[in-house]
PDB file of N, CA and C in Angstrom:
ATOM      1  N   UNK A   1     -15.676  -8.367  -6.882  1.00  0.00           N
ATOM      2  CA  UNK A   1     -14.460  -9.138  -6.866  1.00  0.00           C
ATOM      3  C   UNK A   1     -13.482  -8.478  -5.908  1.00  0.00           C
ATOM      4  N   UNK A   2     -12.877  -9.291  -5.087  1.00  0.00           N
ATOM      5  CA  UNK A   2     -11.776  -8.756  -4.299  1.00  0.00           C
ATOM      6  C   UNK A   2     -10.491  -9.410  -4.785  1.00  0.00           C
ATOM      7  N   UNK A   3      -9.464  -8.612  -4.920  1.00  0.00           N
ATOM      8  CA  UNK A   3      -8.181  -9.074  -5.418  1.00  0.00           C
ATOM      9  C   UNK A   3      -7.096  -8.583  -4.476  1.00  0.00           C
ATOM     10  N   UNK A   4      -6.337  -9.525  -3.938  1.00  0.00           N
ATOM     11  CA  UNK A   4      -5.222  -9.199  -3.061  1.00  0.00           C
ATOM     12  C   UNK A   4      -3.948  -9.555  -3.802  1.00  0.00           C
ATOM     13  N   UNK A   5      -3.023  -8.613  -3.902  1.00  0.00           N
ATOM     14  CA  UNK A   5      -1.758  -8.830  -4.605  1.00  0.00           C
ATOM     15  C   UNK A   5      -0.613  -8.606  -3.629  1.00  0.00           C
ATOM     16  N   UNK A   6       0.253  -9.607  -3.515  1.00  0.00           N
ATOM     17  CA  UNK A   6       1.438  -9.494  -2.669  1.00  0.00           C
ATOM     18  C   UNK A   6       2.663  -9.846  -3.514  1.00  0.00           C
ATOM     19  N   UNK A   7       3.673  -9.007  -3.479  1.00  0.00           N
ATOM     20  CA  UNK A   7       4.913  -9.267  -4.192  1.00  0.00           C
ATOM     21  C   UNK A   7       5.992  -9.599  -3.176  1.00  0.00           C
ATOM     22  N   UNK A   8       6.336 -10.887  -3.066  1.00  0.00           N
ATOM     23  CA  UNK A   8       7.323 -11.330  -2.084  1.00  0.00           C
ATOM     24  C   UNK A   8       8.669 -11.645  -2.737  1.00  0.00           C
ATOM     25  N   UNK A   9       8.863 -11.189  -3.956  1.00  0.00           N
ATOM     26  CA  UNK A   9      10.134 -11.380  -4.650  1.00  0.00           C
ATOM     27  C   UNK A   9      10.643 -10.028  -5.119  1.00  0.00           C
ATOM     28  N   UNK A  10      11.909  -9.969  -5.461  1.00  0.00           N
ATOM     29  CA  UNK A  10      12.512  -8.691  -5.828  1.00  0.00           C
ATOM     30  C   UNK A  10      13.126  -8.692  -7.225  1.00  0.00           C
ATOM     31  N   UNK A  11      12.965  -9.774  -7.984  1.00  0.00           N
ATOM     32  CA  UNK A  11      13.615  -9.893  -9.281  1.00  0.00           C
ATOM     33  C   UNK A  11      12.836  -9.146 -10.369  1.00  0.00           C
ATOM     34  N   UNK A  12      11.519  -9.310 -10.378  1.00  0.00           N
ATOM     35  CA  UNK A  12      10.675  -8.724 -11.415  1.00  0.00           C
ATOM     36  C   UNK A  12       9.739  -7.713 -10.768  1.00  0.00           C
ATOM     37  N   UNK A  13       9.749  -6.464 -11.231  1.00  0.00           N
ATOM     38  CA  UNK A  13       8.824  -5.477 -10.676  1.00  0.00           C
ATOM     39  C   UNK A  13       7.380  -5.843 -11.020  1.00  0.00           C
ATOM     40  N   UNK A  14       6.509  -5.686 -10.071  1.00  0.00           N
ATOM     41  CA  UNK A  14       5.094  -5.989 -10.277  1.00  0.00           C
ATOM     42  C   UNK A  14       4.307  -4.693 -10.197  1.00  0.00           C
ATOM     43  N   UNK A  15       3.656  -4.354 -11.293  1.00  0.00           N
ATOM     44  CA  UNK A  15       2.816  -3.158 -11.321  1.00  0.00           C
ATOM     45  C   UNK A  15       1.377  -3.583 -11.058  1.00  0.00           C
ATOM     46  N   UNK A  16       0.848  -3.167  -9.930  1.00  0.00           N
ATOM     47  CA  UNK A  16      -0.449  -3.647  -9.475  1.00  0.00           C
ATOM     48  C   UNK A  16      -1.624  -3.195 -10.343  1.00  0.00           C
ATOM     49  N   UNK A  17      -1.611  -1.958 -10.819  1.00  0.00           N
ATOM     50  CA  UNK A  17      -2.756  -1.460 -11.605  1.00  0.00           C
ATOM     51  C   UNK A  17      -2.971  -2.264 -12.885  1.00  0.00           C
ATOM     52  N   UNK A  18      -1.926  -2.504 -13.711  1.00  0.00           N
ATOM     53  CA  UNK A  18      -2.148  -3.322 -14.906  1.00  0.00           C
ATOM     54  C   UNK A  18      -2.533  -4.766 -14.568  1.00  0.00           C
ATOM     55  N   UNK A  19      -1.968  -5.307 -13.494  1.00  0.00           N
ATOM     56  CA  UNK A  19      -2.312  -6.663 -13.082  1.00  0.00           C
ATOM     57  C   UNK A  19      -3.781  -6.747 -12.688  1.00  0.00           C
ATOM     58  N   UNK A  20      -4.240  -5.754 -11.936  1.00  0.00           N
ATOM     59  CA  UNK A  20      -5.645  -5.705 -11.541  1.00  0.00           C
ATOM     60  C   UNK A  20      -6.552  -5.616 -12.771  1.00  0.00           C
ATOM     61  N   UNK A  21      -6.167  -4.775 -13.755  1.00  0.00           N
ATOM     62  CA  UNK A  21      -6.946  -4.644 -14.989  1.00  0.00           C
ATOM     63  C   UNK A  21      -6.985  -5.965 -15.760  1.00  0.00           C
ATOM     64  N   UNK A  22      -5.829  -6.641 -15.840  1.00  0.00           N
ATOM     65  CA  UNK A  22      -5.780  -7.923 -16.543  1.00  0.00           C
ATOM     66  C   UNK A  22      -6.620  -8.988 -15.855  1.00  0.00           C
ATOM     67  N   UNK A  23      -6.697  -8.957 -14.528  1.00  0.00           N
ATOM     68  CA  UNK A  23      -7.538  -9.925 -13.823  1.00  0.00           C
ATOM     69  C   UNK A  23      -9.020  -9.682 -14.100  1.00  0.00           C
ATOM     70  N   UNK A  24      -9.390  -8.434 -14.330  1.00  0.00           N
ATOM     71  CA  UNK A  24     -10.762  -8.136 -14.756  1.00  0.00           C
ATOM     72  C   UNK A  24     -11.045  -8.762 -16.125  1.00  0.00           C
ATOM     73  N   UNK A  25     -10.050  -8.698 -17.024  1.00  0.00           N
ATOM     74  CA  UNK A  25     -10.207  -9.323 -18.343  1.00  0.00           C
ATOM     75  C   UNK A  25     -10.336 -10.838 -18.191  1.00  0.00           C
ATOM     76  N   UNK A  26      -9.505 -11.440 -17.341  1.00  0.00           N
ATOM     77  CA  UNK A  26      -9.576 -12.887 -17.102  1.00  0.00           C
ATOM     78  C   UNK A  26     -10.947 -13.259 -16.545  1.00  0.00           C
ATOM     79  N   UNK A  27     -11.465 -12.456 -15.634  1.00  0.00           N
ATOM     80  CA  UNK A  27     -12.804 -12.710 -15.082  1.00  0.00           C
ATOM     81  C   UNK A  27     -13.836 -12.752 -16.200  1.00  0.00           C
ATOM     82  N   UNK A  28     -13.737 -11.827 -17.135  1.00  0.00           N
ATOM     83  CA  UNK A  28     -14.655 -11.784 -18.263  1.00  0.00           C
ATOM     84  C   UNK A  28     -14.470 -13.007 -19.160  1.00  0.00           C
ATOM     85  N   UNK A  29     -13.216 -13.365 -19.439  1.00  0.00           N
ATOM     86  CA  UNK A  29     -12.930 -14.532 -20.278  1.00  0.00           C
ATOM     87  C   UNK A  29     -13.537 -15.792 -19.681  1.00  0.00           C
ATOM     88  N   UNK A  30     -13.402 -15.955 -18.368  1.00  0.00           N
ATOM     89  CA  UNK A  30     -13.922 -17.139 -17.693  1.00  0.00           C
ATOM     90  C   UNK A  30     -15.427 -17.071 -17.471  1.00  0.00           C
ATOM     91  N   UNK A  31     -16.017 -15.907 -17.663  1.00  0.00           N
ATOM     92  CA  UNK A  31     -17.462 -15.770 -17.531  1.00  0.00           C
ATOM     93  C   UNK A  31     -17.969 -15.817 -16.102  1.00  0.00           C
ATOM     94  N   UNK A  32     -17.181 -15.345 -15.160  1.00  0.00           N
ATOM     95  CA  UNK A  32     -17.625 -15.320 -13.767  1.00  0.00           C
ATOM     96  C   UNK A  32     -17.931 -13.889 -13.360  1.00  0.00           C
ATOM     97  N   UNK A  33     -18.966 -13.737 -12.568  1.00  0.00           N
ATOM     98  CA  UNK A  33     -19.383 -12.402 -12.141  1.00  0.00           C
ATOM     99  C   UNK A  33     -18.623 -11.934 -10.905  1.00  0.00           C
ATOM    100  N   UNK A  34     -18.552 -12.816  -9.913  1.00  0.00           N
ATOM    101  CA  UNK A  34     -17.911 -12.448  -8.656  1.00  0.00           C
ATOM    102  C   UNK A  34     -16.957 -13.549  -8.234  1.00  0.00           C
ATOM    103  N   UNK A  35     -15.794 -13.150  -7.788  1.00  0.00           N
ATOM    104  CA  UNK A  35     -14.861 -14.100  -7.215  1.00  0.00           C
ATOM    105  C   UNK A  35     -13.828 -13.346  -6.407  1.00  0.00           C
ATOM    106  N   UNK A  36     -13.202 -14.061  -5.513  1.00  0.00           N
ATOM    107  CA  UNK A  36     -12.106 -13.518  -4.728  1.00  0.00           C
ATOM    108  C   UNK A  36     -10.832 -14.207  -5.183  1.00  0.00           C
ATOM    109  N   UNK A  37      -9.763 -13.429  -5.275  1.00  0.00           N
ATOM    110  CA  UNK A  37      -8.505 -13.991  -5.750  1.00  0.00           C
ATOM    111  C   UNK A  37      -7.344 -13.379  -4.979  1.00  0.00           C
ATOM    112  N   UNK A  38      -6.374 -14.211  -4.711  1.00  0.00           N
ATOM    113  CA  UNK A  38      -5.127 -13.742  -4.130  1.00  0.00           C
ATOM    114  C   UNK A  38      -3.998 -14.092  -5.069  1.00  0.00           C
ATOM    115  N   UNK A  39      -3.147 -13.129  -5.366  1.00  0.00           N
ATOM    116  CA  UNK A  39      -1.974 -13.355  -6.201  1.00  0.00           C
ATOM    117  C   UNK A  39      -0.759 -13.040  -5.352  1.00  0.00           C
ATOM    118  N   UNK A  40       0.095 -14.048  -5.195  1.00  0.00           N
ATOM    119  CA  UNK A  40       1.317 -13.873  -4.432  1.00  0.00           C
ATOM    120  C   UNK A  40       2.480 -14.208  -5.341  1.00  0.00           C
ATOM    121  N   UNK A  41       3.334 -13.228  -5.599  1.00  0.00           N
ATOM    122  CA  UNK A  41       4.504 -13.410  -6.452  1.00  0.00           C
ATOM    123  C   UNK A  41       5.684 -13.778  -5.567  1.00  0.00           C
ATOM    124  N   UNK A  42       6.285 -14.925  -5.864  1.00  0.00           N
ATOM    125  CA  UNK A  42       7.421 -15.402  -5.067  1.00  0.00           C
ATOM    126  C   UNK A  42       8.586 -15.742  -5.986  1.00  0.00           C
ATOM    127  N   UNK A  43       9.755 -15.945  -5.399  1.00  0.00           N
ATOM    128  CA  UNK A  43      10.927 -16.316  -6.180  1.00  0.00           C
ATOM    129  C   UNK A  43      10.938 -17.830  -6.435  1.00  0.00           C
ATOM    130  N   UNK A  44      11.893 -18.280  -7.251  1.00  0.00           N
ATOM    131  CA  UNK A  44      11.962 -19.693  -7.613  1.00  0.00           C
ATOM    132  C   UNK A  44      12.128 -20.616  -6.411  1.00  0.00           C
ATOM    133  N   UNK A  45      12.912 -20.181  -5.434  1.00  0.00           N
ATOM    134  CA  UNK A  45      13.133 -21.014  -4.245  1.00  0.00           C
ATOM    135  C   UNK A  45      11.807 -21.278  -3.526  1.00  0.00           C
ATOM    136  N   UNK A  46      11.006 -20.232  -3.345  1.00  0.00           N
ATOM    137  CA  UNK A  46       9.737 -20.396  -2.627  1.00  0.00           C
ATOM    138  C   UNK A  46       8.695 -21.132  -3.453  1.00  0.00           C
ATOM    139  N   UNK A  47       8.661 -20.912  -4.766  1.00  0.00           N
ATOM    140  CA  UNK A  47       7.680 -21.627  -5.587  1.00  0.00           C
ATOM    141  C   UNK A  47       8.054 -23.102  -5.667  1.00  0.00           C
ATOM    142  N   UNK A  48       9.361 -23.393  -5.666  1.00  0.00           N
ATOM    143  CA  UNK A  48       9.801 -24.789  -5.650  1.00  0.00           C
ATOM    144  C   UNK A  48       9.364 -25.467  -4.359  1.00  0.00           C
ATOM    145  N   UNK A  49       9.487 -24.753  -3.243  1.00  0.00           N
ATOM    146  CA  UNK A  49       9.046 -25.295  -1.952  1.00  0.00           C
ATOM    147  C   UNK A  49       7.544 -25.599  -1.972  1.00  0.00           C
ATOM    148  N   UNK A  50       6.740 -24.669  -2.494  1.00  0.00           N
ATOM    149  CA  UNK A  50       5.295 -24.883  -2.558  1.00  0.00           C
ATOM    150  C   UNK A  50       4.943 -26.034  -3.494  1.00  0.00           C
ATOM    151  N   UNK A  51       5.637 -26.132  -4.603  1.00  0.00           N
ATOM    152  CA  UNK A  51       5.394 -27.207  -5.553  1.00  0.00           C
ATOM    153  C   UNK A  51       5.733 -28.563  -4.924  1.00  0.00           C
ATOM    154  N   UNK A  52       6.838 -28.609  -4.174  1.00  0.00           N
ATOM    155  CA  UNK A  52       7.230 -29.842  -3.481  1.00  0.00           C
ATOM    156  C   UNK A  52       6.205 -30.198  -2.412  1.00  0.00           C
ATOM    157  N   UNK A  53       5.750 -29.199  -1.688  1.00  0.00           N
ATOM    158  CA  UNK A  53       4.799 -29.424  -0.602  1.00  0.00           C
ATOM    159  C   UNK A  53       3.437 -29.908  -1.099  1.00  0.00           C
ATOM    160  N   UNK A  54       2.898 -29.242  -2.117  1.00  0.00           N
ATOM    161  CA  UNK A  54       1.534 -29.533  -2.557  1.00  0.00           C
ATOM    162  C   UNK A  54       1.431 -30.512  -3.713  1.00  0.00           C
ATOM    163  N   UNK A  55       2.462 -30.592  -4.551  1.00  0.00           N
ATOM    164  CA  UNK A  55       2.373 -31.467  -5.723  1.00  0.00           C
ATOM    165  C   UNK A  55       3.430 -32.565  -5.723  1.00  0.00           C
ATOM    166  N   UNK A  56       4.291 -32.575  -4.693  1.00  0.00           N
ATOM    167  CA  UNK A  56       5.358 -33.573  -4.576  1.00  0.00           C
ATOM    168  C   UNK A  56       6.317 -33.531  -5.762  1.00  0.00           C
ATOM    169  N   UNK A  57       6.514 -32.343  -6.338  1.00  0.00           N
ATOM    170  CA  UNK A  57       7.453 -32.145  -7.440  1.00  0.00           C
ATOM    171  C   UNK A  57       8.476 -31.106  -6.995  1.00  0.00           C
ATOM    172  N   UNK A  58       9.726 -31.502  -6.945  1.00  0.00           N
ATOM    173  CA  UNK A  58      10.772 -30.655  -6.389  1.00  0.00           C
ATOM    174  C   UNK A  58      11.430 -29.788  -7.470  1.00  0.00           C
ATOM    175  N   UNK A  59      10.610 -29.009  -8.171  1.00  0.00           N
ATOM    176  CA  UNK A  59      11.098 -28.086  -9.203  1.00  0.00           C
ATOM    177  C   UNK A  59      10.270 -26.809  -9.144  1.00  0.00           C
ATOM    178  N   UNK A  60      10.847 -25.676  -9.550  1.00  0.00           N
ATOM    179  CA  UNK A  60      10.046 -24.454  -9.635  1.00  0.00           C
ATOM    180  C   UNK A  60       8.991 -24.598 -10.728  1.00  0.00           C
ATOM    181  N   UNK A  61       7.877 -23.925 -10.576  1.00  0.00           N
ATOM    182  CA  UNK A  61       6.787 -24.010 -11.551  1.00  0.00           C
ATOM    183  C   UNK A  61       5.940 -22.755 -11.492  1.00  0.00           C
ATOM    184  N   UNK A  62       5.073 -22.592 -12.472  1.00  0.00           N
ATOM    185  CA  UNK A  62       4.023 -21.585 -12.358  1.00  0.00           C
ATOM    186  C   UNK A  62       2.799 -22.334 -11.835  1.00  0.00           C
ATOM    187  N   UNK A  63       2.312 -21.954 -10.680  1.00  0.00           N
ATOM    188  CA  UNK A  63       1.230 -22.696 -10.033  1.00  0.00           C
ATOM    189  C   UNK A  63      -0.097 -22.024 -10.343  1.00  0.00           C
ATOM    190  N   UNK A  64      -0.997 -22.817 -10.876  1.00  0.00           N
ATOM    191  CA  UNK A  64      -2.355 -22.350 -11.142  1.00  0.00           C
ATOM    192  C   UNK A  64      -3.317 -23.214 -10.358  1.00  0.00           C
ATOM    193  N   UNK A  65      -4.526 -22.741 -10.167  1.00  0.00           N
ATOM    194  CA  UNK A  65      -5.488 -23.480  -9.356  1.00  0.00           C
ATOM    195  C   UNK A  65      -6.412 -24.356 -10.197  1.00  0.00           C
ATOM    196  N   UNK A  66      -5.992 -24.732 -11.411  1.00  0.00           N
ATOM    197  CA  UNK A  66      -6.794 -25.621 -12.241  1.00  0.00           C
ATOM    198  C   UNK A  66      -6.367 -27.059 -11.990  1.00  0.00           C
ATOM    199  N   UNK A  67      -7.308 -28.009 -12.055  1.00  0.00           N
ATOM    200  CA  UNK A  67      -6.908 -29.422 -11.955  1.00  0.00           C
ATOM    201  C   UNK A  67      -5.898 -29.742 -13.062  1.00  0.00           C
ATOM    202  N   UNK A  68      -5.005 -30.690 -12.809  1.00  0.00           N
ATOM    203  CA  UNK A  68      -3.895 -30.958 -13.718  1.00  0.00           C
ATOM    204  C   UNK A  68      -4.351 -31.220 -15.149  1.00  0.00           C
ATOM    205  N   UNK A  69      -5.337 -32.076 -15.340  1.00  0.00           N
ATOM    206  CA  UNK A  69      -5.750 -32.440 -16.698  1.00  0.00           C
ATOM    207  C   UNK A  69      -6.380 -31.271 -17.447  1.00  0.00           C
ATOM    208  N   UNK A  70      -6.973 -30.325 -16.679  1.00  0.00           N
ATOM    209  CA  UNK A  70      -7.566 -29.148 -17.303  1.00  0.00           C
ATOM    210  C   UNK A  70      -6.593 -27.986 -17.362  1.00  0.00           C
ATOM    211  N   UNK A  71      -5.426 -28.144 -16.466  1.00  0.00           N
ATOM    212  CA  UNK A  71      -4.568 -26.970 -16.214  1.00  0.00           C
ATOM    213  C   UNK A  71      -4.059 -26.348 -17.490  1.00  0.00           C
ATOM    214  N   UNK A  72      -3.367 -27.147 -18.411  1.00  0.00           N
ATOM    215  CA  UNK A  72      -2.710 -26.594 -19.588  1.00  0.00           C
ATOM    216  C   UNK A  72      -3.729 -26.012 -20.561  1.00  0.00           C
ATOM    217  N   UNK A  73      -4.810 -26.737 -20.837  1.00  0.00           N
ATOM    218  CA  UNK A  73      -5.825 -26.251 -21.776  1.00  0.00           C
ATOM    219  C   UNK A  73      -6.467 -24.966 -21.302  1.00  0.00           C
ATOM    220  N   UNK A  74      -6.832 -24.922 -20.047  1.00  0.00           N
ATOM    221  CA  UNK A  74      -7.450 -23.729 -19.472  1.00  0.00           C
ATOM    222  C   UNK A  74      -6.456 -22.577 -19.429  1.00  0.00           C
ATOM    223  N   UNK A  75      -5.221 -22.881 -19.051  1.00  0.00           N
ATOM    224  CA  UNK A  75      -4.181 -21.859 -18.988  1.00  0.00           C
ATOM    225  C   UNK A  75      -3.943 -21.268 -20.372  1.00  0.00           C
ATOM    226  N   UNK A  76      -3.849 -22.135 -21.387  1.00  0.00           N
ATOM    227  CA  UNK A  76      -3.596 -21.690 -22.759  1.00  0.00           C
ATOM    228  C   UNK A  76      -4.741 -20.808 -23.251  1.00  0.00           C
ATOM    229  N   UNK A  77      -5.973 -21.239 -22.985  1.00  0.00           N
ATOM    230  CA  UNK A  77      -7.141 -20.451 -23.406  1.00  0.00           C
ATOM    231  C   UNK A  77      -7.137 -19.065 -22.768  1.00  0.00           C
ATOM    232  N   UNK A  78      -6.915 -19.017 -21.466  1.00  0.00           N
ATOM    233  CA  UNK A  78      -6.923 -17.731 -20.757  1.00  0.00           C
ATOM    234  C   UNK A  78      -5.798 -16.840 -21.267  1.00  0.00           C
ATOM    235  N   UNK A  79      -4.601 -17.399 -21.443  1.00  0.00           N
ATOM    236  CA  UNK A  79      -3.482 -16.587 -21.915  1.00  0.00           C
ATOM    237  C   UNK A  79      -3.676 -16.098 -23.346  1.00  0.00           C
ATOM    238  N   UNK A  80      -4.266 -16.926 -24.207  1.00  0.00           N
ATOM    239  CA  UNK A  80      -4.548 -16.491 -25.582  1.00  0.00           C
ATOM    240  C   UNK A  80      -5.538 -15.327 -25.592  1.00  0.00           C
ATOM    241  N   UNK A  81      -6.603 -15.453 -24.812  1.00  0.00           N
ATOM    242  CA  UNK A  81      -7.610 -14.386 -24.756  1.00  0.00           C
ATOM    243  C   UNK A  81      -7.040 -13.124 -24.125  1.00  0.00           C
ATOM    244  N   UNK A  82      -6.273 -13.296 -23.060  1.00  0.00           N
ATOM    245  CA  UNK A  82      -5.658 -12.149 -22.402  1.00  0.00           C
ATOM    246  C   UNK A  82      -4.683 -11.462 -23.366  1.00  0.00           C
ATOM    247  N   UNK A  83      -3.931 -12.237 -24.134  1.00  0.00           N
ATOM    248  CA  UNK A  83      -3.022 -11.672 -25.135  1.00  0.00           C
ATOM    249  C   UNK A  83      -3.790 -10.886 -26.184  1.00  0.00           C
ATOM    250  N   UNK A  84      -4.922 -11.422 -26.605  1.00  0.00           N
ATOM    251  CA  UNK A  84      -5.743 -10.734 -27.606  1.00  0.00           C
ATOM    252  C   UNK A  84      -6.232  -9.389 -27.078  1.00  0.00           C
ATOM    253  N   UNK A  85      -6.621  -9.353 -25.818  1.00  0.00           N
ATOM    254  CA  UNK A  85      -7.133  -8.120 -25.211  1.00  0.00           C
ATOM    255  C   UNK A  85      -6.035  -7.101 -24.911  1.00  0.00           C
ATOM    256  N   UNK A  86      -4.845  -7.597 -24.598  1.00  0.00           N
ATOM    257  CA  UNK A  86      -3.777  -6.690 -24.163  1.00  0.00           C
ATOM    258  C   UNK A  86      -2.707  -6.457 -25.220  1.00  0.00           C
ATOM    259  N   UNK A  87      -2.765  -7.198 -26.334  1.00  0.00           N
ATOM    260  CA  UNK A  87      -1.768  -7.034 -27.385  1.00  0.00           C
ATOM    261  C   UNK A  87      -0.417  -7.643 -27.038  1.00  0.00           C
ATOM    262  N   UNK A  88      -0.405  -8.578 -26.119  1.00  0.00           N
ATOM    263  CA  UNK A  88       0.836  -9.239 -25.733  1.00  0.00           C
ATOM    264  C   UNK A  88       0.899 -10.622 -26.367  1.00  0.00           C
ATOM    265  N   UNK A  89       1.981 -11.307 -26.217  1.00  0.00           N
ATOM    266  CA  UNK A  89       2.146 -12.654 -26.762  1.00  0.00           C
ATOM    267  C   UNK A  89       2.382 -13.665 -25.665  1.00  0.00           C
ATOM    268  N   UNK A  90       1.461 -13.763 -24.726  1.00  0.00           N
ATOM    269  CA  UNK A  90       1.648 -14.640 -23.570  1.00  0.00           C
ATOM    270  C   UNK A  90       1.519 -16.107 -23.967  1.00  0.00           C
ATOM    271  N   UNK A  91       2.393 -16.936 -23.411  1.00  0.00           N
ATOM    272  CA  UNK A  91       2.382 -18.381 -23.634  1.00  0.00           C
ATOM    273  C   UNK A  91       2.524 -19.072 -22.298  1.00  0.00           C
ATOM    274  N   UNK A  92       1.937 -20.269 -22.148  1.00  0.00           N
ATOM    275  CA  UNK A  92       2.146 -21.012 -20.906  1.00  0.00           C
ATOM    276  C   UNK A  92       3.623 -21.328 -20.706  1.00  0.00           C
ATOM    277  N   UNK A  93       4.094 -21.244 -19.481  1.00  0.00           N
ATOM    278  CA  UNK A  93       5.489 -21.560 -19.193  1.00  0.00           C
ATOM    279  C   UNK A  93       5.788 -23.019 -19.471  1.00  0.00           C
ATOM    280  N   UNK A  94       4.763 -23.851 -19.428  1.00  0.00           N
ATOM    281  CA  UNK A  94       4.971 -25.289 -19.624  1.00  0.00           C
ATOM    282  C   UNK A  94       4.714 -25.725 -21.072  1.00  0.00           C
ATOM    283  N   UNK A  95       4.623 -24.784 -22.023  1.00  0.00           N
ATOM    284  CA  UNK A  95       4.368 -25.178 -23.412  1.00  0.00           C
ATOM    285  C   UNK A  95       5.475 -26.111 -23.896  1.00  0.00           C
ATOM    286  N   UNK A  96       5.070 -27.067 -24.692  1.00  0.00           N
ATOM    287  CA  UNK A  96       6.015 -28.039 -25.203  1.00  0.00           C
ATOM    288  C   UNK A  96       6.208 -29.243 -24.286  1.00  0.00           C
ATOM    289  N   UNK A  97       5.673 -29.173 -23.079  1.00  0.00           N
ATOM    290  CA  UNK A  97       5.817 -30.295 -22.144  1.00  0.00           C
ATOM    291  C   UNK A  97       4.613 -31.227 -22.170  1.00  0.00           C
ATOM    292  N   UNK A  98       3.463 -30.755 -22.668  1.00  0.00           N
ATOM    293  CA  UNK A  98       2.242 -31.572 -22.676  1.00  0.00           C
ATOM    294  C   UNK A  98       1.697 -31.674 -24.074  1.00  0.00           C
TER     295      UNK A  98
END
């Protein structure tokens, strides 16, 4: 697996080592052996621009690469499993909307 992490925002500190470890857990949860992933952390202004460009929605969002109908279910499953492994209480940012 190759993982590229870029932090292009300054509001929230991003610690690469724990993020890399968590992506290994996600890989296991999804049952994939090899994959390449890029994670780019941006501010609300830039994520809103990307959301407008690719999804025609002019609001900030958390962008995932799952198809829309699968997005929330898959996101919820991954976050629940990741929370179980890491002892955190992660929830989808869009909970309550679908």
